[in-house]
Protein backbone atom coordinates (compact mmCIF):
# COMPACT_ATOMS: atom_id res chain seq x y z
CA MET A 1 224.58 190.38 69.30
CA LYS A 2 225.36 192.79 72.07
CA LYS A 3 223.04 193.44 74.99
CA ARG A 4 222.56 197.08 74.01
CA THR A 5 221.67 196.18 70.42
CA ALA A 6 219.02 193.71 71.59
CA LEU A 7 217.51 196.38 73.84
CA ILE A 8 217.46 198.98 71.06
CA VAL A 9 215.74 196.64 68.60
CA GLY A 10 213.24 195.48 71.23
CA VAL A 11 212.33 198.99 72.29
CA ALA A 12 212.08 200.10 68.66
CA ALA A 13 209.64 197.28 67.90
CA GLY A 14 207.56 198.21 70.94
CA VAL A 15 207.50 201.89 69.99
CA ILE A 16 206.50 201.07 66.41
CA ALA A 17 203.61 198.90 67.61
CA ALA A 18 202.46 201.52 70.12
CA ALA A 19 202.70 204.30 67.52
CA ALA A 20 200.61 202.28 65.09
CA GLY A 21 197.95 201.77 67.75
CA LEU A 22 197.95 205.44 68.63
CA LEU A 23 197.72 206.48 64.97
CA ALA A 24 194.81 204.09 64.47
CA ALA A 25 193.05 205.46 67.55
CA LEU A 26 193.48 209.00 66.24
CA GLY A 27 192.17 208.03 62.80
CA TYR A 28 195.39 208.54 60.84
CA LEU A 29 195.89 204.84 60.10
CA PRO A 30 193.30 202.21 59.22
CA ALA A 31 192.72 199.73 62.02
CA ILE A 32 193.68 196.76 59.85
CA ALA A 33 197.06 198.35 59.09
CA ALA A 34 197.71 198.97 62.78
CA GLU A 35 196.80 195.36 63.54
CA LEU A 36 199.22 194.10 60.88
CA VAL A 37 201.99 196.26 62.31
CA ALA A 38 201.29 194.92 65.79
CA VAL A 39 201.27 191.31 64.57
CA VAL A 40 204.71 191.80 63.00
CA ALA A 41 206.26 193.97 65.71
CA PHE A 42 205.10 192.10 68.81
CA PRO A 43 207.12 188.90 68.25
CA ALA A 44 210.22 190.98 67.54
CA PHE A 45 209.59 192.92 70.75
CA VAL A 46 209.26 189.76 72.83
CA ILE A 47 212.28 188.01 71.30
CA PHE A 48 214.66 190.95 71.55
CA ILE A 49 213.60 191.91 75.07
CA ALA A 50 214.14 188.27 76.10
CA LEU A 51 217.58 188.30 74.48
CA TRP A 52 218.41 191.52 76.30
CA TRP A 53 217.19 190.08 79.60
CA ASN A 54 219.32 186.93 79.23
CA ALA A 55 222.48 188.64 77.98
CA LYS A 56 225.37 189.17 80.35
CA SER A 57 226.86 192.61 80.89
CA GLY A 58 230.17 193.13 79.17
CA GLU A 59 231.60 192.58 75.74
CA GLU A 60 230.51 188.96 75.24
CA ASP A 61 228.00 188.10 72.58
CA ILE A 62 224.73 186.36 73.36
CA PRO A 63 225.41 182.62 72.94
CA PHE A 64 223.60 180.64 70.27
CA ILE A 65 220.58 179.01 71.91
CA GLY A 66 219.61 176.65 69.09
CA TYR A 67 216.37 176.23 67.27
């Protein structure tokens, strides 16, 4: 995975979670649905931002870090 791809996926997950919270606050989305979206999107956000942070600049892929 490239550094840019990890950043795009991480930011997308963060935006989705924030949008769900905003829609719930405005009354367009039930609170339970926004909570479910946040529970799913937050781990993806953390993992992909961490992958982006640890990736080197350039054309190399992120190395496999194991289980």
